[in-house]
């Protein structure tokens, strides 16, 4: 079968005319199958069980005549093309037939098989195009009807010719009252001239669409007089009446409200941040003053005892010397050798007290200087951490034995650091001294130093199995002058120095975990290569 073969249903009551049509097809070497029925009712029944590509319809049938025949056939087969084949040669009637649904109009006896085949083929194509256009129109109509955005179509003189349901809801106007009216009814008065100018300018350009939202704030006008913030995009389409403008209008009321709320929230947050920064500055200043007060009080408390002892001894010596001088100045004054020996003994004792007091004061001053100015002794260099720990163990062997404490070192061999070994040694020494003084009693205990590496970080855990730290005291252990053993001469600066050295030259972080009765762990996280 050839590609141009079409299936034809011929509705013709005259058998002779039907034979002539078949002969036309045969003479044109057209193998298209032709099915023949003699009335409209038979054609409708045939279509219920068969298919075809085109209907060749006579208008003078036993059960239907004239234009009504076309209408009835169109209702029975709305998707099939109909070509009228009749004996009536009337151009006006032919035009009416096409208007009522026929694709073409042929007069019997005019043309041959090739012409008939060509007309039928063209009729099929035109019907297909009509179907495509109908389906496309239906889809466009569905899109317009279901669109969430308002859609309004305008004529060249900006009169409304289409309004979708979303536009009715947005503006509060029924479509029947808007159709044919100028679009000005939907635009606030102060924007009308600008809107007309924009659309007129758009009509003169070659652009496919116009986004009015880029030109600043836009507002639509509702039926009740409310102004509605909107975004508008206008496209243009040629039509028989000229350019047809289609405006897609989006209600941005909620977005504007959200933007306003966001701006208000941002302003409130900025005000809160500014107030927080001011409060923070006040708190920092108060904290500085508080820390300074605590520092002064601590220094005063620690220095007060040796200085007080020295002053008391010096005052005693002054009083005894004044009394002795008075006796010598009195007539007949003098004293026995035993009294002189007693006075010299008191002088020696007082001098010893003064010496010890001043020596203790001097040591305290050195500790205060060390606390106030954290410096890493020996500078920065590359060193092996396991070797440093070995040297630390050897240097503290006698102190460990004296306190009955065992020290266990767990460090990967050859683990190198580029840092401040002097500062690290000082940290370990202070932690060990703190453990001696606070963690253990006379029975001693165990201390371990465990080292691990995580990429470029060194983790050191200094742990003891001593009495632990009370939970209330744990947050204050790094504060200067905080101690629970002031009565034993502890100034409370050891862990403060540890904190300053770890966070200072070593460039790391330190935390303490402790469980009363179980022990304390000091966790240090240090960079393998110090920053400075």
Protein backbone atom coordinates (compact mmCIF):
# COMPACT_ATOMS: atom_id res chain seq x y z
CA UNK A 1 0.00 0.00 0.00
CA UNK A 2 1.36 3.44 -0.97
CA UNK A 3 2.09 6.12 1.64
CA UNK A 4 -0.57 8.43 0.13
CA UNK A 5 -3.40 5.87 0.53
CA UNK A 6 -6.29 7.24 2.56
CA UNK A 7 -9.40 5.54 3.89
CA UNK A 8 -12.58 7.18 2.58
CA UNK A 9 -16.18 6.83 3.77
CA UNK A 10 -18.49 7.98 0.97
CA UNK A 11 -22.03 8.89 2.02
CA UNK A 12 -23.99 8.92 -1.26
CA UNK A 13 -27.53 7.69 -2.03
CA UNK A 14 -26.97 7.66 -5.79
CA UNK A 15 -25.24 4.40 -6.70
CA UNK A 16 -24.22 5.76 -10.13
CA UNK A 17 -22.49 8.75 -8.55
CA UNK A 18 -20.73 6.43 -6.12
CA UNK A 19 -19.53 4.28 -9.06
CA UNK A 20 -18.19 7.39 -10.81
CA UNK A 21 -16.17 8.34 -7.72
CA UNK A 22 -14.70 4.84 -7.53
CA UNK A 23 -13.82 5.07 -11.23
CA UNK A 24 -12.10 8.42 -10.64
CA UNK A 25 -9.90 6.78 -8.02
CA UNK A 26 -9.14 3.83 -10.31
CA UNK A 27 -8.23 6.07 -13.25
CA UNK A 28 -5.93 8.07 -10.98
CA UNK A 29 -4.24 4.83 -9.95
CA UNK A 30 -5.35 5.55 -6.39
CA UNK A 31 -5.56 2.43 -4.23
CA UNK A 32 -7.31 4.20 -1.37
CA UNK A 33 -10.10 2.00 0.03
CA UNK A 34 -13.59 3.52 -0.31
CA UNK A 35 -16.44 2.41 1.88
CA UNK A 36 -19.92 3.40 0.71
CA UNK A 37 -23.20 3.93 2.61
CA UNK A 38 -26.41 5.38 1.25
CA UNK A 39 -27.76 7.52 4.09
CA UNK A 40 -26.70 9.51 7.10
CA UNK A 41 -27.98 6.99 9.64
CA UNK A 42 -25.97 4.20 8.00
CA UNK A 43 -22.88 6.45 8.05
CA UNK A 44 -23.28 7.10 11.80
CA UNK A 45 -23.73 3.38 12.47
CA UNK A 46 -20.74 2.50 10.30
CA UNK A 47 -18.50 4.93 12.19
CA UNK A 48 -19.38 3.26 15.49
CA UNK A 49 -17.52 0.12 14.42
CA UNK A 50 -15.11 1.27 11.71
CA UNK A 51 -12.54 3.91 11.09
CA UNK A 52 -11.63 6.19 8.23
CA UNK A 53 -9.49 9.21 7.38
CA UNK A 54 -12.06 11.41 5.62
CA UNK A 55 -15.80 11.56 4.90
CA UNK A 56 -17.03 12.34 1.37
CA UNK A 57 -20.57 13.63 2.00
CA UNK A 58 -23.51 14.23 -0.34
CA UNK A 59 -26.01 16.83 0.96
CA UNK A 60 -29.13 15.27 -0.58
CA UNK A 61 -29.68 12.06 1.34
CA UNK A 62 -32.90 10.16 2.07
CA UNK A 63 -32.72 11.02 5.76
CA UNK A 64 -31.01 14.45 5.67
CA UNK A 65 -30.73 17.38 3.26
CA UNK A 66 -28.61 20.54 3.06
CA UNK A 67 -26.60 22.24 5.77
CA UNK A 68 -28.28 20.16 8.49
CA UNK A 69 -26.54 17.14 6.99
CA UNK A 70 -23.13 18.72 7.59
CA UNK A 71 -24.05 19.65 11.16
CA UNK A 72 -25.33 16.18 12.01
CA UNK A 73 -22.29 14.53 10.44
CA UNK A 74 -19.96 16.87 12.34
CA UNK A 75 -21.66 16.00 15.62
CA UNK A 76 -21.34 12.28 14.87
CA UNK A 77 -17.65 12.50 13.84
CA UNK A 78 -16.25 15.74 15.29
CA UNK A 79 -12.63 14.74 14.72
CA UNK A 80 -12.96 13.61 11.08
CA UNK A 81 -12.64 15.95 8.06
CA UNK A 82 -15.76 16.28 5.90
CA UNK A 83 -15.60 17.09 2.18
CA UNK A 84 -18.96 17.94 0.57
CA UNK A 85 -19.59 16.37 -2.85
CA UNK A 86 -22.84 17.74 -4.24
CA UNK A 87 -24.53 18.74 -7.48
CA UNK A 88 -25.32 22.29 -6.22
CA UNK A 89 -22.86 24.79 -7.70
CA UNK A 90 -23.49 27.78 -5.40
CA UNK A 91 -20.48 29.74 -4.01
CA UNK A 92 -22.50 31.25 -1.17
CA UNK A 93 -23.81 27.87 -0.15
CA UNK A 94 -20.28 26.47 -0.41
CA UNK A 95 -19.02 29.17 1.98
CA UNK A 96 -21.86 28.40 4.39
CA UNK A 97 -20.98 24.70 4.25
CA UNK A 98 -17.38 25.43 5.20
CA UNK A 99 -18.52 27.69 8.03
CA UNK A 100 -20.70 24.84 9.34
CA UNK A 101 -17.81 22.36 9.54
CA UNK A 102 -16.91 21.14 6.06
CA UNK A 103 -13.26 21.22 5.06
CA UNK A 104 -14.01 21.67 1.36
CA UNK A 105 -16.85 21.82 -1.17
CA UNK A 106 -16.80 19.93 -4.48
CA UNK A 107 -19.35 20.03 -7.26
CA UNK A 108 -20.10 16.73 -8.97
CA UNK A 109 -18.72 16.45 -12.47
CA UNK A 110 -15.91 18.97 -11.87
CA UNK A 111 -12.38 17.63 -11.68
CA UNK A 112 -10.91 14.16 -11.91
CA UNK A 113 -9.50 11.52 -9.58
CA UNK A 114 -6.22 13.38 -8.99
CA UNK A 115 -8.09 16.54 -8.00
CA UNK A 116 -10.39 14.57 -5.72
CA UNK A 117 -7.48 12.80 -4.06
CA UNK A 118 -5.66 16.10 -3.54
CA UNK A 119 -8.76 17.74 -2.03
CA UNK A 120 -9.27 14.85 0.36
CA UNK A 121 -5.59 14.90 1.39
CA UNK A 122 -5.69 18.65 2.02
CA UNK A 123 -8.92 18.26 3.97
CA UNK A 124 -7.24 15.72 6.25
CA UNK A 125 -4.28 18.03 6.84
CA UNK A 126 -6.49 21.03 7.52
CA UNK A 127 -8.54 19.02 10.01
CA UNK A 128 -5.37 17.89 11.75
CA UNK A 129 -4.22 21.49 12.00
CA UNK A 130 -7.61 22.48 13.36
CA UNK A 131 -7.36 19.71 15.97
CA UNK A 132 -3.87 20.79 16.94
CA UNK A 133 -5.06 24.36 17.25
CA UNK A 134 -8.13 23.26 19.21
CA UNK A 135 -6.04 21.18 21.62
CA UNK A 136 -3.48 23.95 21.96
CA UNK A 137 -6.26 26.44 22.60
CA UNK A 138 -7.77 24.12 25.18
CA UNK A 139 -4.41 23.75 26.89
CA UNK A 140 -3.84 27.50 26.88
CA UNK A 141 -7.34 28.06 28.21
CA UNK A 142 -6.76 25.50 30.96
CA UNK A 143 -3.46 27.12 31.88
CA UNK A 144 -5.09 30.54 31.97
CA UNK A 145 -8.07 29.32 33.98
CA UNK A 146 -5.94 27.42 36.53
CA UNK A 147 -3.05 29.92 36.79
CA UNK A 148 -2.37 31.30 40.25
CA UNK A 149 -1.24 34.59 38.72
CA UNK A 150 -3.75 37.05 37.32
CA UNK A 151 -3.84 37.20 33.50
CA UNK A 152 -5.39 40.12 31.61
CA UNK A 153 -5.32 40.52 27.81
CA UNK A 154 -5.55 43.97 26.18
CA UNK A 155 -6.27 45.29 22.70
CA UNK A 156 -3.92 47.84 21.09
CA UNK A 157 -6.00 50.65 22.62
CA UNK A 158 -5.55 48.93 26.02
CA UNK A 159 -9.08 47.66 26.47
CA UNK A 160 -9.59 44.41 28.38
CA UNK A 161 -10.58 41.38 26.29
CA UNK A 162 -9.65 38.53 28.64
CA UNK A 163 -9.69 38.10 32.42
CA UNK A 164 -8.88 34.81 34.17
CA UNK A 165 -10.36 33.70 37.53
CA UNK A 166 -7.16 34.66 39.39
CA UNK A 167 -7.55 38.23 38.09
CA UNK A 168 -11.18 38.27 39.25
CA UNK A 169 -10.06 37.20 42.73
CA UNK A 170 -7.16 39.64 42.83
CA UNK A 171 -9.03 42.75 41.75
CA UNK A 172 -12.50 41.84 43.04
CA UNK A 173 -14.16 42.40 39.65
CA UNK A 174 -16.23 39.77 37.80
CA UNK A 175 -14.95 39.23 34.26
CA UNK A 176 -18.27 40.35 32.75
CA UNK A 177 -17.81 43.85 34.21
CA UNK A 178 -14.21 44.19 33.03
CA UNK A 179 -14.42 43.00 29.42
CA UNK A 180 -14.32 45.93 27.02
CA UNK A 181 -13.29 48.46 29.68
CA UNK A 182 -9.98 50.36 29.63
CA UNK A 183 -7.25 48.74 31.72
CA UNK A 184 -7.05 52.02 33.69
CA UNK A 185 -9.77 50.63 35.94
CA UNK A 186 -7.14 48.25 37.38
CA UNK A 187 -4.37 50.87 37.75
CA UNK A 188 -4.14 53.53 40.49
CA UNK A 189 -4.59 56.99 39.03
CA UNK A 190 -1.06 58.15 39.81
CA UNK A 191 0.40 55.26 37.76
CA UNK A 192 -1.97 55.35 34.75
CA UNK A 193 -0.03 57.67 32.46
CA UNK A 194 3.26 55.93 33.20
CA UNK A 195 1.61 52.57 32.48
CA UNK A 196 0.23 53.82 29.14
CA UNK A 197 3.64 55.20 28.17
CA UNK A 198 5.41 51.94 28.99
CA UNK A 199 2.98 49.82 26.97
CA UNK A 200 3.05 52.24 24.04
CA UNK A 201 6.84 52.24 24.01
CA UNK A 202 6.82 48.45 24.25
CA UNK A 203 4.54 48.24 21.19
CA UNK A 204 7.18 50.11 19.15
CA UNK A 205 10.09 47.85 20.13
CA UNK A 206 11.10 44.42 18.92
CA UNK A 207 11.23 42.95 22.42
CA UNK A 208 9.13 39.86 23.09
CA UNK A 209 8.17 40.79 26.63
CA UNK A 210 8.25 43.71 29.02
CA UNK A 211 8.94 43.32 32.73
CA UNK A 212 7.45 46.39 34.35
CA UNK A 213 8.57 45.19 37.78
CA UNK A 214 12.12 46.28 36.96
CA UNK A 215 10.93 49.87 36.74
CA UNK A 216 10.17 50.28 40.44
CA UNK A 217 7.26 49.69 42.75
CA UNK A 218 4.01 48.77 40.97
CA UNK A 219 0.48 48.70 42.34
CA UNK A 220 -2.83 47.42 41.04
CA UNK A 221 -6.19 48.91 42.02
CA UNK A 222 -8.85 46.63 43.51
CA UNK A 223 -12.55 47.28 43.07
CA UNK A 224 -12.85 48.39 46.70
CA UNK A 225 -10.10 51.01 46.22
CA UNK A 226 -7.27 49.05 47.82
CA UNK A 227 -3.85 49.33 46.20
CA UNK A 228 -2.20 45.96 45.70
CA UNK A 229 1.60 45.63 45.28
CA UNK A 230 2.18 43.59 42.12
CA UNK A 231 4.77 42.42 39.61
CA UNK A 232 3.75 42.65 35.94
CA UNK A 233 5.17 41.01 32.82
CA UNK A 234 3.61 41.95 29.47
CA UNK A 235 3.95 39.96 26.24
CA UNK A 236 2.54 40.79 22.82
CA UNK A 237 0.98 38.57 20.16
CA UNK A 238 -0.13 39.56 16.65
CA UNK A 239 -3.88 39.26 16.02
CA UNK A 240 -6.27 40.29 13.22
CA UNK A 241 -7.08 43.42 15.22
CA UNK A 242 -3.40 44.26 15.75
CA UNK A 243 -1.09 43.52 18.63
CA UNK A 244 -2.69 41.75 21.56
CA UNK A 245 -1.02 42.47 24.90
CA UNK A 246 -1.14 39.84 27.64
CA UNK A 247 -0.26 40.96 31.18
CA UNK A 248 0.70 38.39 33.82
CA UNK A 249 0.16 40.02 37.20
CA UNK A 250 1.52 38.56 40.43
CA UNK A 251 0.28 39.67 43.83
CA UNK A 252 3.36 40.30 46.00
CA UNK A 253 1.48 41.48 49.08
CA UNK A 254 2.67 38.57 51.21
CA UNK A 255 6.21 38.91 49.92
CA UNK A 256 6.21 42.62 50.66
CA UNK A 257 4.87 41.90 54.11
CA UNK A 258 7.51 39.24 54.65
CA UNK A 259 10.21 41.63 53.40
CA UNK A 260 8.95 44.32 55.76
CA UNK A 261 8.90 41.85 58.64
CA UNK A 262 12.37 40.68 57.67
CA UNK A 263 13.65 44.27 57.58
CA UNK A 264 12.02 44.93 60.95
CA UNK A 265 13.54 41.76 62.35
CA UNK A 266 16.92 42.71 60.89
CA UNK A 267 16.69 46.19 62.40
CA UNK A 268 15.65 44.70 65.73
CA UNK A 269 18.49 42.20 65.56
CA UNK A 270 20.97 44.96 64.73
CA UNK A 271 19.68 47.04 67.65
CA UNK A 272 19.86 44.00 69.92
CA UNK A 273 23.37 43.26 68.68
CA UNK A 274 24.45 46.84 69.28
CA UNK A 275 22.96 46.72 72.77
CA UNK A 276 24.61 43.34 73.34
CA UNK A 277 27.95 44.73 72.23
CA UNK A 278 27.52 47.69 74.59
CA UNK A 279 26.52 45.35 77.40
CA UNK A 280 29.41 43.06 76.56
CA UNK A 281 31.80 46.01 76.63
CA UNK A 282 30.43 47.00 80.02
CA UNK A 283 30.72 43.43 81.26
CA UNK A 284 34.25 43.12 79.91
CA UNK A 285 35.16 46.37 81.61
CA UNK A 286 33.52 45.22 84.82
CA UNK A 287 35.26 41.85 84.49
CA UNK A 288 38.58 43.60 83.97
CA UNK A 289 37.98 45.74 87.02
CA UNK A 290 36.87 42.69 88.98
CA UNK A 291 39.91 40.73 87.86
CA UNK A 292 42.14 43.66 88.71
CA UNK A 293 40.51 43.89 92.12
CA UNK A 294 40.98 40.16 92.69
CA UNK A 295 44.58 40.42 91.52
CA UNK A 296 45.31 43.35 93.81
CA UNK A 297 43.58 41.61 96.70
CA UNK A 298 45.49 38.39 96.01
CA UNK A 299 48.82 40.14 95.73
CA UNK A 300 48.08 42.12 98.86
CA UNK A 301 47.04 38.99 100.74
CA UNK A 302 50.07 36.97 99.70
CA UNK A 303 52.62 39.73 100.30
CA UNK A 304 50.94 40.97 103.44
CA UNK A 305 51.99 37.96 105.53
CA UNK A 306 55.79 38.12 104.99
CA UNK A 307 55.78 41.90 105.10
CA UNK A 308 53.67 41.81 108.25
CA UNK A 309 56.10 39.39 109.83
CA UNK A 310 59.02 41.60 108.84
CA UNK A 311 57.29 44.73 110.20
CA UNK A 312 56.40 43.00 113.46
CA UNK A 313 59.99 41.83 113.93
CA UNK A 314 61.39 45.22 112.96
CA UNK A 315 58.97 46.95 115.36
CA UNK A 316 59.96 44.57 118.16
CA UNK A 317 63.63 45.28 117.54
CA UNK A 318 62.96 49.00 117.54
CA UNK A 319 61.15 48.80 120.85
CA UNK A 320 63.85 46.66 122.47
CA UNK A 321 66.63 48.88 121.14
CA UNK A 322 64.87 52.04 122.35
CA UNK A 323 64.45 50.52 125.80
CA UNK A 324 68.09 49.53 125.90
CA UNK A 325 69.20 52.95 124.77
CA UNK A 326 67.06 54.57 127.48
CA UNK A 327 68.68 52.47 130.18
CA UNK A 328 72.14 53.43 128.96
CA UNK A 329 71.25 57.11 128.95
CA UNK A 330 69.89 57.10 132.51
CA UNK A 331 72.27 58.21 135.36
CA UNK A 332 74.02 55.16 136.64
CA UNK A 333 72.47 53.23 133.82
CA UNK A 334 73.86 50.01 132.53
CA UNK A 335 72.95 46.37 132.13
CA UNK A 336 74.41 43.04 132.80
CA UNK A 337 76.08 40.76 130.31
CA UNK A 338 73.20 38.32 130.50
CA UNK A 339 70.84 41.08 129.42
CA UNK A 340 73.12 41.94 126.49
CA UNK A 341 73.23 38.26 125.47
CA UNK A 342 69.45 38.10 125.66
CA UNK A 343 69.12 41.25 123.51
CA UNK A 344 71.55 39.91 120.91
CA UNK A 345 69.56 36.66 120.75
CA UNK A 346 66.39 38.61 120.15
CA UNK A 347 68.16 40.60 117.41
CA UNK A 348 69.32 37.44 115.68
CA UNK A 349 65.86 35.90 115.88
CA UNK A 350 64.15 39.02 114.56
CA UNK A 351 66.72 39.39 111.79
CA UNK A 352 66.08 35.79 110.77
CA UNK A 353 62.34 36.41 110.68
CA UNK A 354 62.85 39.53 108.58
CA UNK A 355 65.21 37.68 106.24
CA UNK A 356 62.79 34.79 105.73
CA UNK A 357 59.89 37.16 105.24
CA UNK A 358 61.73 39.22 102.67
CA UNK A 359 62.93 36.11 100.89
CA UNK A 360 59.35 34.80 100.70
CA UNK A 361 58.16 38.19 99.47
CA UNK A 362 60.84 38.13 96.79
CA UNK A 363 59.77 34.66 95.64
CA UNK A 364 56.16 35.84 95.48
CA UNK A 365 57.18 38.83 93.40
CA UNK A 366 58.97 36.51 90.96
CA UNK A 367 55.84 34.34 90.72
CA UNK A 368 53.69 37.44 90.14
CA UNK A 369 56.02 38.56 87.38
CA UNK A 370 55.86 35.12 85.83
CA UNK A 371 52.05 35.21 85.95
CA UNK A 372 51.76 38.70 84.51
CA UNK A 373 54.28 38.21 81.70
CA UNK A 374 54.17 34.73 80.20
CA UNK A 375 57.42 34.06 78.38
CA UNK A 376 58.71 30.80 76.99
CA UNK A 377 62.17 30.09 78.32
CA UNK A 378 64.73 28.91 75.80
CA UNK A 379 62.80 30.12 72.75
CA UNK A 380 61.33 28.07 69.96
CA UNK A 381 63.00 25.04 68.35
CA UNK A 382 62.35 21.61 66.90
CA UNK A 383 62.46 18.86 69.52
CA UNK A 384 61.40 15.25 70.10
CA UNK A 385 58.53 15.09 72.58
CA UNK A 386 59.45 11.65 73.93
CA UNK A 387 62.97 12.91 74.66
CA UNK A 388 61.60 15.98 76.50
CA UNK A 389 59.41 13.72 78.66
CA UNK A 390 62.37 11.51 79.49
CA UNK A 391 64.34 14.57 80.64
CA UNK A 392 61.33 15.75 82.64
CA UNK A 393 61.11 12.37 84.41
CA UNK A 394 64.84 12.38 85.24
CA UNK A 395 64.75 15.96 86.55
CA UNK A 396 61.86 15.16 88.90
CA UNK A 397 62.95 11.70 90.02
CA UNK A 398 63.93 12.76 93.53
CA UNK A 399 60.71 14.76 94.05
CA UNK A 400 58.65 11.80 92.81
CA UNK A 401 60.40 9.47 95.25
CA UNK A 402 60.02 11.95 98.09
CA UNK A 403 56.26 12.16 97.59
CA UNK A 404 55.78 8.45 96.87
CA UNK A 405 54.42 9.11 93.39
CA UNK A 406 55.00 6.96 90.32
CA UNK A 407 55.12 8.58 86.87
CA UNK A 408 54.11 6.70 83.72
CA UNK A 409 54.93 8.13 80.25
CA UNK A 410 53.12 6.98 77.10
CA UNK A 411 54.42 8.80 74.01
CA UNK A 412 54.95 7.64 70.41
CA UNK A 413 58.69 7.52 69.73
CA UNK A 414 60.19 10.21 67.56
CA UNK A 415 57.13 12.48 67.69
CA UNK A 416 58.54 15.88 66.77
CA UNK A 417 57.29 19.36 67.62
CA UNK A 418 58.30 22.80 66.41
CA UNK A 419 57.38 24.78 69.49
CA UNK A 420 58.63 26.03 72.86
CA UNK A 421 60.07 23.14 74.89
CA UNK A 422 60.84 25.41 77.83
CA UNK A 423 57.21 26.46 78.16
CA UNK A 424 56.00 22.85 77.85
CA UNK A 425 58.46 21.70 80.53
CA UNK A 426 57.28 24.50 82.82
CA UNK A 427 53.64 23.44 82.25
CA UNK A 428 54.44 19.82 83.17
CA UNK A 429 56.45 20.91 86.22
CA UNK A 430 53.59 23.09 87.49
CA UNK A 431 51.09 20.28 86.95
CA UNK A 432 53.31 17.84 88.84
CA UNK A 433 53.84 20.32 91.71
CA UNK A 434 50.08 20.93 91.81
CA UNK A 435 49.48 17.16 92.03
CA UNK A 436 52.03 16.83 94.85
CA UNK A 437 50.34 19.58 96.83
CA UNK A 438 46.66 18.95 96.14
CA UNK A 439 46.07 15.43 94.79
CA UNK A 440 47.97 13.14 97.12
CA UNK A 441 48.35 12.61 100.80
CA UNK A 442 51.22 10.92 102.57
CA UNK A 443 50.50 7.60 100.84
CA UNK A 444 51.36 9.06 97.41
CA UNK A 445 49.76 7.91 94.13
CA UNK A 446 50.19 7.60 90.37
CA UNK A 447 50.60 10.18 87.61
CA UNK A 448 50.50 9.43 83.87
CA UNK A 449 51.34 11.52 80.82
CA UNK A 450 49.73 10.16 77.62
CA UNK A 451 50.47 11.66 74.18
CA UNK A 452 48.66 11.14 70.88
CA UNK A 453 48.66 12.89 67.52
CA UNK A 454 45.70 13.96 65.35
CA UNK A 455 46.88 15.31 61.97
CA UNK A 456 48.67 18.52 63.03
CA UNK A 457 47.54 18.54 66.67
CA UNK A 458 49.28 17.01 69.69
CA UNK A 459 47.06 15.78 72.52
CA UNK A 460 48.62 15.50 75.97
CA UNK A 461 46.69 14.10 78.94
CA UNK A 462 48.26 14.67 82.37
CA UNK A 463 46.25 12.49 84.79
CA UNK A 464 46.49 11.56 88.47
CA UNK A 465 44.53 9.15 90.66
CA UNK A 466 44.33 11.55 93.59
CA UNK A 467 41.46 13.04 95.56
CA UNK A 468 40.07 15.03 92.63
CA UNK A 469 38.63 18.54 92.60
CA UNK A 470 35.33 19.54 94.14
CA UNK A 471 32.70 20.30 91.51
CA UNK A 472 32.15 23.81 92.87
CA UNK A 473 35.87 24.54 92.63
CA UNK A 474 36.43 23.14 89.13
CA UNK A 475 35.29 26.27 87.19
CA UNK A 476 37.72 28.44 89.20
CA UNK A 477 40.95 26.44 89.08
CA UNK A 478 42.55 28.61 86.35
CA UNK A 479 41.79 31.87 88.18
CA UNK A 480 44.83 33.61 89.69
CA UNK A 481 45.17 33.20 93.48
CA UNK A 482 42.46 30.56 93.69
CA UNK A 483 43.64 27.83 96.07
CA UNK A 484 42.21 25.45 98.65
CA UNK A 485 45.51 25.23 100.52
CA UNK A 486 46.39 28.80 101.34
CA UNK A 487 47.04 27.67 104.87
CA UNK A 488 49.84 25.51 103.50
CA UNK A 489 51.45 28.42 101.69
CA UNK A 490 49.98 27.84 98.21
CA UNK A 491 49.50 31.18 96.40
CA UNK A 492 47.05 29.67 93.86
CA UNK A 493 49.04 30.60 90.75
CA UNK A 494 50.25 27.24 89.42
CA UNK A 495 47.31 26.39 87.17
CA UNK A 496 46.92 30.02 86.14
CA UNK A 497 50.51 29.89 84.83
CA UNK A 498 49.69 26.61 83.04
CA UNK A 499 46.67 28.22 81.39
CA UNK A 500 48.68 31.27 80.26
CA UNK A 501 51.55 29.19 78.86
CA UNK A 502 49.29 26.77 76.96
CA UNK A 503 47.12 29.54 75.49
CA UNK A 504 50.08 31.86 74.99
CA UNK A 505 53.40 30.70 73.48
CA UNK A 506 52.28 27.09 72.99
CA UNK A 507 49.16 28.29 71.10
CA UNK A 508 46.84 25.56 72.35
CA UNK A 509 43.91 24.90 74.65
CA UNK A 510 43.66 23.32 78.08
CA UNK A 511 40.72 21.85 79.99
CA UNK A 512 40.39 19.95 83.27
CA UNK A 513 38.15 16.97 83.98
CA UNK A 514 37.93 15.77 87.55
CA UNK A 515 35.89 13.34 89.64
CA UNK A 516 36.16 13.70 93.43
CA UNK A 517 37.75 10.59 94.91
CA UNK A 518 38.81 9.25 91.49
CA UNK A 519 41.32 11.71 90.10
CA UNK A 520 41.97 14.62 87.76
CA UNK A 521 42.90 14.81 84.07
CA UNK A 522 44.39 17.90 82.46
CA UNK A 523 43.79 17.76 78.68
CA UNK A 524 45.99 19.87 76.43
CA UNK A 525 45.57 20.28 72.69
CA UNK A 526 48.68 21.84 71.14
CA UNK A 527 49.62 22.54 67.52
CA UNK A 528 52.59 20.45 66.42
CA UNK A 529 53.99 23.60 64.82
CA UNK A 530 53.50 26.64 67.03
CA UNK A 531 52.17 29.79 65.39
CA UNK A 532 54.82 32.09 66.82
